Amino acid sequence: MTATIGAVDTTPLAREHFPAARRWAYLNHAGISPLPQPSVDAMVRRATEVSLDGEFTYAAHSAEVERVRSAAARLMGVPSADVAFVKNTTTGLGMIANGLDWAPGDRVIVPDLEFPSTLYPWLALADRGVLVDRVRPEGPGGRLSVEAFIDRIQAGPPPKLVVTSWVQFGRGWRVDLAELGRACQQVGTLLCADVIQGIGVLPAELARWDVDFAMADGHKWLLGPEGCGVLYVRGSRLELLRPLEPGWNSVAHREDWDNLELVFDDTARRLEGGMPNVTGIAALGASIDLLHDAGIPAIWSHVDRLCDLACAGLTSIGATVLSDRSAEGRSGIVAVHLDGPPMPLLAKQLQAEGIAVSARAGGLRISPHGYNNDEDIDRLVDTTARLISS
């Protein structure tokens, strides 16, 4: 096995919390992350409590929901009052797309080659006269400069909304949300960011960056369960959104069951509607606690180093790095191309060897997290070398 020079034994996230690490070199956190054991325990604990005491667990579970809301808000760099729990990223995007008031001729700017769920909600507004302008990524790394967004903004009347992934899912380009937020502010345009490929691994200050709306499911870098995510709505933008599924949990008097006035809560909670997913939120909260305990800057530094190691090791066996690894564009996602079997077949062959990666955007996509170590990268490089030479 390759001996990594300057190998680091410790990891920001303790490997013993991740049962998957005993079976896999798991390098697919841009796909679905394995749940850490504390999150599994939290989910089982909440479900067990309900099985024993039913309704009488409600007060304690509600308090935990609010604790996790605050923890998620700190991770995003936003006030907790501006965070709602949602089913997934697509749900959050749909709440923005269908909650805003549109007029024929309104423009939305979105990158081309986006993840489908980040594009479809806006295309679906065509019957309301909404126009979608796409920003074309530049070069093999899929670079999306703020200048490219500005060019599209200036190509017509000021758009109502600019939408982008913070980190592009295929090759990992990281959009400068702070600079893009300033550009949108200058022309009075709203900014919506799908942050699922960044939150949990990259430090975030969404409020300071002038992001108006952001959303992420928990099952990637947040290390949480599938189908439990968060939505950020800047407080000053809350009145722009029509709640799509108003229910008892949407109103200011949420537990005054005989009061039938529709008085929406003055926080993002108005968008939640009914009963939250308390077991999912408990698991997500346990995962977020691990991230806070480790510190996102430490996780990012570690992941960035592992990505550099992967690039160096795979390049040494003939790979071409497709991702832009410049300081401004790098993320926790690295895509490479190798001669030999097609990338989807190579990904399956690696999976059969206990190495979790995926094939995306014409390359082999590698996405380590804070519990991965140098040995995981060595195993990837050595196994890949053997497979492409056989």
Protein backbone atom coordinates (compact mmCIF):
# COMPACT_ATOMS: atom_id res chain seq x y z
CA MET A 1 0.00 0.00 0.00
CA THR A 2 1.14 3.53 -0.74
CA ALA A 3 2.74 5.23 2.25
CA THR A 4 1.39 8.75 2.44
CA ILE A 5 4.13 11.24 3.28
CA GLY A 6 3.25 13.28 6.35
CA ALA A 7 0.27 11.05 7.16
CA VAL A 8 -2.05 12.35 9.88
CA ASP A 9 -3.32 9.79 12.39
CA THR A 10 -5.97 11.93 14.10
CA THR A 11 -9.19 13.09 12.50
CA PRO A 12 -11.47 15.98 13.57
CA LEU A 13 -14.45 13.61 13.72
CA ALA A 14 -13.77 10.45 15.72
CA ARG A 15 -13.77 7.40 13.45
CA GLU A 16 -15.30 5.24 16.19
CA HIS A 17 -18.54 7.22 15.79
CA PHE A 18 -18.89 5.92 12.22
CA PRO A 19 -19.64 2.19 11.93
CA ALA A 20 -19.33 2.47 8.15
CA ALA A 21 -15.61 3.18 8.55
CA ARG A 22 -15.14 -0.40 9.72
CA ARG A 23 -16.48 -1.69 6.40
CA TRP A 24 -15.68 1.00 3.86
CA ALA A 25 -13.26 3.60 2.76
CA TYR A 26 -16.31 5.81 2.54
CA LEU A 27 -15.54 8.73 0.19
CA ASN A 28 -19.04 9.57 -1.05
CA HIS A 29 -20.37 12.27 1.27
CA ALA A 30 -21.57 14.26 -1.73
CA GLY A 31 -24.00 11.36 -2.18
CA ILE A 32 -25.50 9.86 0.97
CA SER A 33 -23.44 9.95 4.15
CA PRO A 34 -23.45 7.08 6.63
CA LEU A 35 -25.09 8.01 9.92
CA PRO A 36 -22.79 8.32 12.91
CA GLN A 37 -23.70 6.08 15.83
CA PRO A 38 -24.70 8.98 18.16
CA SER A 39 -27.29 10.01 15.57
CA VAL A 40 -28.66 6.48 15.31
CA ASP A 41 -28.84 6.36 19.10
CA ALA A 42 -30.70 9.69 19.24
CA MET A 43 -33.24 8.52 16.69
CA VAL A 44 -33.83 5.22 18.50
CA ARG A 45 -34.11 7.02 21.84
CA ARG A 46 -36.80 9.40 20.58
CA ALA A 47 -38.76 6.62 18.91
CA THR A 48 -38.54 4.48 22.04
CA GLU A 49 -39.79 7.32 24.19
CA VAL A 50 -42.83 7.75 21.97
CA SER A 51 -43.43 4.00 22.02
CA LEU A 52 -43.54 4.10 25.83
CA ASP A 53 -45.29 7.40 26.56
CA GLY A 54 -46.92 8.67 23.38
CA GLU A 55 -48.19 12.24 23.70
CA PHE A 56 -46.43 12.77 27.03
CA THR A 57 -43.08 13.01 25.26
CA TYR A 58 -44.24 16.06 23.29
CA ALA A 59 -42.89 18.81 25.55
CA ALA A 60 -39.40 17.32 25.76
CA HIS A 61 -39.31 16.63 22.04
CA SER A 62 -40.45 20.18 21.23
CA ALA A 63 -37.64 21.56 23.36
CA GLU A 64 -35.16 19.38 21.45
CA VAL A 65 -36.52 20.61 18.11
CA GLU A 66 -35.81 24.19 19.17
CA ARG A 67 -32.33 23.29 20.41
CA VAL A 68 -31.50 21.70 17.07
CA ARG A 69 -32.93 24.71 15.24
CA SER A 70 -30.46 26.93 17.09
CA ALA A 71 -27.57 24.53 16.43
CA ALA A 72 -28.38 24.42 12.72
CA ALA A 73 -28.64 28.21 12.60
CA ARG A 74 -25.16 28.58 14.12
CA LEU A 75 -23.78 26.21 11.51
CA MET A 76 -25.31 28.36 8.74
CA GLY A 77 -24.38 31.69 10.31
CA VAL A 78 -27.97 32.93 10.61
CA PRO A 79 -30.49 33.76 13.39
CA SER A 80 -32.42 30.74 14.65
CA ALA A 81 -35.71 32.59 14.06
CA ASP A 82 -34.91 32.48 10.33
CA VAL A 83 -34.65 28.66 10.16
CA ALA A 84 -37.44 26.19 9.39
CA PHE A 85 -37.27 22.42 9.20
CA VAL A 86 -38.20 20.94 5.83
CA LYS A 87 -38.39 17.48 4.33
CA ASN A 88 -35.50 18.00 1.94
CA THR A 89 -33.70 20.49 -0.29
CA THR A 90 -36.29 20.17 -3.05
CA THR A 91 -39.07 21.06 -0.61
CA GLY A 92 -37.17 24.18 0.43
CA LEU A 93 -36.61 25.24 -3.17
CA GLY A 94 -40.30 24.64 -3.92
CA MET A 95 -41.33 26.84 -1.00
CA ILE A 96 -39.37 29.69 -2.56
CA ALA A 97 -40.41 29.03 -6.16
CA ASN A 98 -44.10 28.69 -5.35
CA GLY A 99 -44.23 31.06 -2.40
CA LEU A 100 -42.94 34.17 -4.18
CA ASP A 101 -45.31 36.41 -6.13
CA TRP A 102 -44.45 36.19 -9.84
CA ALA A 103 -45.44 38.33 -12.80
CA PRO A 104 -45.09 37.55 -16.51
CA GLY A 105 -41.62 38.56 -17.67
CA ASP A 106 -39.92 38.04 -14.30
CA ARG A 107 -36.45 36.56 -14.75
CA VAL A 108 -34.63 33.88 -12.77
CA ILE A 109 -30.92 33.31 -13.32
CA VAL A 110 -29.58 29.83 -12.60
CA PRO A 111 -26.42 27.97 -13.66
CA ASP A 112 -26.59 25.53 -16.52
CA LEU A 113 -25.62 21.93 -15.68
CA GLU A 114 -27.11 22.37 -12.21
CA PHE A 115 -28.48 19.54 -10.10
CA PRO A 116 -32.00 18.86 -11.46
CA SER A 117 -33.84 19.89 -8.28
CA THR A 118 -32.10 23.27 -8.34
CA LEU A 119 -33.35 23.92 -11.87
CA TYR A 120 -36.76 22.28 -12.20
CA PRO A 121 -38.75 24.52 -9.78
CA TRP A 122 -37.96 27.55 -11.92
CA LEU A 123 -38.61 25.85 -15.26
CA ALA A 124 -41.98 24.78 -13.84
CA LEU A 125 -42.95 28.48 -13.59
CA ALA A 126 -43.03 28.85 -17.38
CA ASP A 127 -46.85 28.77 -17.37
CA ARG A 128 -46.73 31.93 -15.21
CA GLY A 129 -44.54 33.74 -17.71
CA VAL A 130 -41.30 33.39 -15.73
CA LEU A 131 -38.13 33.40 -17.84
CA VAL A 132 -35.11 31.29 -16.88
CA ASP A 133 -31.67 32.50 -17.98
CA ARG A 134 -28.81 30.04 -17.54
CA VAL A 135 -25.21 30.82 -16.70
CA ARG A 136 -22.84 28.57 -18.58
CA PRO A 137 -19.99 27.07 -16.50
CA GLU A 138 -16.52 27.78 -17.83
CA GLY A 139 -13.71 25.28 -18.43
CA PRO A 140 -13.32 21.65 -17.38
CA GLY A 141 -13.70 22.49 -13.68
CA GLY A 142 -17.16 23.98 -14.19
CA ARG A 143 -16.04 27.40 -12.98
CA LEU A 144 -18.91 29.79 -12.22
CA SER A 145 -17.38 33.19 -11.67
CA VAL A 146 -19.42 36.00 -10.19
CA GLU A 147 -18.58 37.96 -13.35
CA ALA A 148 -20.45 35.34 -15.36
CA PHE A 149 -23.51 35.82 -13.15
CA ILE A 150 -23.21 39.60 -13.48
CA ASP A 151 -23.08 39.30 -17.27
CA ARG A 152 -26.41 37.43 -17.23
CA ILE A 153 -27.90 39.87 -14.72
CA GLN A 154 -27.01 42.77 -17.00
CA ALA A 155 -28.27 41.00 -20.14
CA GLY A 156 -31.87 42.07 -19.43
CA PRO A 157 -34.06 43.76 -16.84
CA PRO A 158 -32.95 43.11 -13.25
CA PRO A 159 -33.89 39.53 -12.39
CA LYS A 160 -36.23 38.82 -9.54
CA LEU A 161 -34.02 36.01 -8.30
CA VAL A 162 -30.58 34.49 -8.76
CA VAL A 163 -30.40 30.80 -7.80
CA THR A 164 -27.26 28.71 -7.48
CA SER A 165 -25.75 25.79 -5.68
CA TRP A 166 -23.06 26.96 -3.29
CA VAL A 167 -21.01 23.95 -4.37
CA GLN A 168 -21.77 22.32 -7.71
CA PHE A 169 -22.57 18.65 -7.28
CA GLY A 170 -20.61 17.20 -10.21
CA ARG A 171 -17.11 18.66 -10.07
CA GLY A 172 -17.33 20.69 -6.88
CA TRP A 173 -16.91 24.32 -7.99
CA ARG A 174 -17.62 26.62 -5.03
CA VAL A 175 -19.49 29.81 -5.88
CA ASP A 176 -18.39 32.92 -3.97
CA LEU A 177 -21.72 33.61 -2.25
CA ALA A 178 -20.44 36.73 -0.48
CA GLU A 179 -19.44 38.42 -3.73
CA LEU A 180 -22.54 37.20 -5.53
CA GLY A 181 -24.68 38.47 -2.66
CA ARG A 182 -23.16 41.93 -3.02
CA ALA A 183 -23.79 41.90 -6.77
CA CYS A 184 -27.43 40.94 -6.22
CA GLN A 185 -27.89 43.60 -3.56
CA GLN A 186 -26.68 46.29 -5.95
CA VAL A 187 -29.52 45.61 -8.41
CA GLY A 188 -32.22 44.68 -5.91
CA THR A 189 -32.20 40.97 -6.81
CA LEU A 190 -32.91 38.18 -4.35
CA LEU A 191 -30.31 35.41 -3.89
CA CYS A 192 -31.27 31.79 -3.27
CA ALA A 193 -28.55 29.20 -2.56
CA ASP A 194 -28.81 25.42 -2.49
CA VAL A 195 -26.15 24.77 0.17
CA ILE A 196 -26.46 21.00 0.54
CA GLN A 197 -22.95 20.36 -0.83
CA GLY A 198 -21.30 22.88 1.50
CA ILE A 199 -23.02 23.06 4.88
CA GLY A 200 -21.25 20.76 7.33
CA VAL A 201 -17.83 20.93 5.69
CA LEU A 202 -17.31 24.59 4.71
CA PRO A 203 -17.56 27.53 7.13
CA ALA A 204 -20.72 29.52 6.36
CA GLU A 205 -21.92 33.05 7.12
CA LEU A 206 -25.09 33.14 5.02
CA ALA A 207 -26.60 36.19 6.71
CA ARG A 208 -23.39 38.20 6.37
CA TRP A 209 -23.11 37.11 2.73
CA ASP A 210 -26.52 38.66 1.90
CA VAL A 211 -28.08 35.30 1.00
CA ASP A 212 -31.87 35.64 1.16
CA PHE A 213 -32.88 31.98 0.98
CA ALA A 214 -30.89 28.77 1.51
CA MET A 215 -31.74 25.12 2.00
CA ALA A 216 -30.10 21.76 2.61
CA ASP A 217 -31.18 18.22 3.35
CA GLY A 218 -29.31 16.53 6.18
CA HIS A 219 -28.07 13.41 4.44
CA LYS A 220 -24.83 14.70 2.91
CA TRP A 221 -22.19 16.78 4.71
CA LEU A 222 -24.45 17.35 7.72
CA LEU A 223 -24.19 13.60 8.39
CA GLY A 224 -27.89 13.43 9.21
CA PRO A 225 -30.77 11.23 8.10
CA GLU A 226 -32.45 11.36 4.72
CA GLY A 227 -35.62 13.43 4.48
CA CYS A 228 -34.86 15.94 7.24
CA GLY A 229 -33.40 19.30 6.28
CA VAL A 230 -33.31 23.00 6.99
CA LEU A 231 -34.51 26.11 5.20
CA TYR A 232 -33.16 29.62 5.84
CA VAL A 233 -35.29 32.66 5.02
CA ARG A 234 -33.81 36.05 5.83
CA GLY A 235 -36.19 37.65 8.31
CA SER A 236 -36.73 40.74 6.17
CA ARG A 237 -37.83 38.47 3.28
CA LEU A 238 -40.29 36.34 5.21
CA GLU A 239 -43.31 38.42 4.20
CA LEU A 240 -42.42 37.86 0.53
CA LEU A 241 -43.33 34.18 0.86
CA ARG A 242 -46.83 32.78 0.93
CA PRO A 243 -46.90 29.76 3.29
CA LEU A 244 -47.86 26.85 1.06
CA GLU A 245 -49.10 24.40 3.69
CA PRO A 246 -50.40 26.45 6.63
CA GLY A 247 -51.32 24.44 9.69
CA TRP A 248 -51.45 24.53 13.44
CA ASN A 249 -47.67 24.83 13.69
CA SER A 250 -47.62 27.88 11.40
CA VAL A 251 -49.46 30.27 13.69
CA ALA A 252 -48.41 32.42 16.62
CA HIS A 253 -50.96 30.72 18.91
CA ARG A 254 -49.97 27.20 17.82
CA GLU A 255 -51.22 25.35 20.90
CA ASP A 256 -54.40 27.37 21.46
CA TRP A 257 -56.51 24.82 19.60
CA ASP A 258 -59.79 26.72 19.91
CA ASN A 259 -58.37 29.91 18.39
CA LEU A 260 -59.05 29.66 14.65
CA GLU A 261 -57.60 33.02 13.63
CA LEU A 262 -54.93 32.74 10.94
CA VAL A 263 -52.14 34.75 12.53
CA PHE A 264 -48.85 33.50 11.15
CA ASP A 265 -45.88 33.08 13.43
CA ASP A 266 -43.40 35.92 12.94
CA THR A 267 -40.50 33.50 12.35
CA ALA A 268 -39.66 31.02 9.61
CA ARG A 269 -41.56 28.44 11.63
CA ARG A 270 -44.70 29.67 9.83
CA LEU A 271 -43.51 27.58 6.86
CA GLU A 272 -43.47 24.27 8.75
CA GLY A 273 -47.22 23.62 8.82
CA GLY A 274 -47.77 20.52 10.93
CA MET A 275 -45.96 18.09 13.19
CA PRO A 276 -42.18 18.10 12.71
CA ASN A 277 -40.15 14.96 12.14
CA VAL A 278 -38.98 14.73 15.75
CA THR A 279 -37.01 11.50 15.33
CA GLY A 280 -35.25 12.81 12.22
CA ILE A 281 -34.53 16.16 13.87
CA ALA A 282 -33.09 14.37 16.91
CA ALA A 283 -30.69 12.44 14.67
CA LEU A 284 -29.80 15.55 12.70
CA GLY A 285 -29.16 17.40 15.94
CA ALA A 286 -26.78 14.71 17.18
CA SER A 287 -24.86 14.93 13.90
CA ILE A 288 -24.71 18.72 14.05
CA ASP A 289 -23.41 18.45 17.62
CA LEU A 290 -20.51 16.33 16.34
CA LEU A 291 -19.76 18.94 13.70
CA HIS A 292 -19.79 21.78 16.23
CA ASP A 293 -17.62 19.83 18.66
CA ALA A 294 -15.01 19.22 15.97
CA GLY A 295 -15.29 22.74 14.54
CA ILE A 296 -16.09 23.37 10.89
CA PRO A 297 -12.74 25.12 10.20
CA ALA A 298 -10.88 22.03 11.45
CA ILE A 299 -13.11 19.72 9.39
CA TRP A 300 -12.62 21.82 6.28
CA SER A 301 -8.85 21.95 6.69
CA HIS A 302 -8.74 18.17 7.06
CA VAL A 303 -11.05 17.47 4.12
CA ASP A 304 -9.18 19.93 1.91
CA ARG A 305 -5.91 18.15 2.70
CA LEU A 306 -7.42 14.74 1.91
CA CYS A 307 -8.69 16.09 -1.42
CA ASP A 308 -5.17 17.31 -2.23
CA LEU A 309 -3.79 13.87 -1.31
CA ALA A 310 -6.35 12.18 -3.55
CA CYS A 311 -5.47 14.49 -6.44
CA ALA A 312 -1.74 13.85 -6.00
CA GLY A 313 -2.12 10.10 -5.66
CA LEU A 314 -4.51 9.65 -8.55
CA THR A 315 -2.51 11.99 -10.79
CA SER A 316 0.54 9.81 -10.13
CA ILE A 317 -1.27 6.85 -11.70
CA GLY A 318 -2.41 8.82 -14.75
CA ALA A 319 -5.62 10.56 -13.66
CA THR A 320 -6.68 13.96 -14.93
CA VAL A 321 -8.16 16.19 -12.24
CA LEU A 322 -11.38 17.68 -13.60
CA SER A 323 -12.21 19.84 -10.59
CA ASP A 324 -10.94 23.38 -10.20
CA ARG A 325 -8.66 23.24 -7.18
CA SER A 326 -7.90 26.95 -7.07
CA ALA A 327 -8.21 28.63 -3.67
CA GLU A 328 -11.47 30.34 -4.61
CA GLY A 329 -13.12 27.34 -6.27
CA ARG A 330 -12.15 24.29 -4.25
CA SER A 331 -14.55 22.34 -2.09
CA GLY A 332 -14.86 18.90 -0.51
CA ILE A 333 -15.61 17.39 -3.91
CA VAL A 334 -12.92 16.24 -6.34
CA ALA A 335 -13.66 14.68 -9.73
CA VAL A 336 -10.99 12.92 -11.79
CA HIS A 337 -10.93 11.03 -15.06
CA LEU A 338 -8.85 7.94 -15.76
CA ASP A 339 -8.24 5.99 -18.91
CA GLY A 340 -9.57 2.44 -18.78
CA PRO A 341 -13.07 1.32 -17.85
CA PRO A 342 -15.90 3.88 -18.08
CA MET A 343 -16.19 5.92 -14.91
CA PRO A 344 -19.55 4.39 -13.84
CA LEU A 345 -18.04 0.91 -14.19
CA LEU A 346 -14.90 1.93 -12.29
CA ALA A 347 -17.06 3.34 -9.48
CA LYS A 348 -18.90 0.02 -9.23
CA GLN A 349 -15.62 -1.91 -9.25
CA LEU A 350 -14.31 0.26 -6.42
CA GLN A 351 -17.53 -0.25 -4.49
CA ALA A 352 -17.07 -4.01 -4.83
CA GLU A 353 -13.66 -3.50 -3.19
CA GLY A 354 -15.20 -1.61 -0.25
CA ILE A 355 -14.43 1.90 -1.52
CA ALA A 356 -17.43 4.23 -1.76
CA VAL A 357 -17.21 6.78 -4.56
CA SER A 358 -19.55 7.78 -7.37
CA ALA A 359 -19.47 8.66 -11.06
CA ARG A 360 -20.64 12.18 -11.87
CA ALA A 361 -20.05 14.78 -14.59
CA GLY A 362 -17.83 12.50 -16.64
CA GLY A 363 -15.50 11.67 -13.77
CA LEU A 364 -14.95 9.69 -10.63
CA ARG A 365 -16.25 11.85 -7.78
CA ILE A 366 -14.47 11.66 -4.43
CA SER A 367 -15.83 13.43 -1.34
CA PRO A 368 -14.19 12.65 2.03
CA HIS A 369 -15.35 13.94 5.42
CA GLY A 370 -13.80 14.70 8.77
CA TYR A 371 -13.49 11.09 9.94
CA ASN A 372 -11.73 9.82 6.80
CA ASN A 373 -7.99 9.34 7.07
CA ASP A 374 -4.93 9.05 4.88
CA GLU A 375 -5.30 5.27 4.75
CA ASP A 376 -8.68 5.69 3.05
CA ILE A 377 -7.01 7.76 0.33
CA ASP A 378 -4.12 5.28 -0.01
CA ARG A 379 -6.63 2.47 -0.40
CA LEU A 380 -8.48 4.40 -3.11
CA VAL A 381 -5.30 5.14 -5.06
CA ASP A 382 -3.81 1.64 -4.78
CA THR A 383 -7.06 -0.12 -5.69
CA THR A 384 -7.73 2.22 -8.60
CA ALA A 385 -4.22 1.61 -9.94
CA ARG A 386 -4.82 -2.13 -9.84
CA LEU A 387 -8.24 -1.93 -11.48
CA ILE A 388 -7.20 0.28 -14.39
CA SER A 389 -4.16 -1.84 -15.12
CA SER A 390 -5.97 -5.17 -15.10
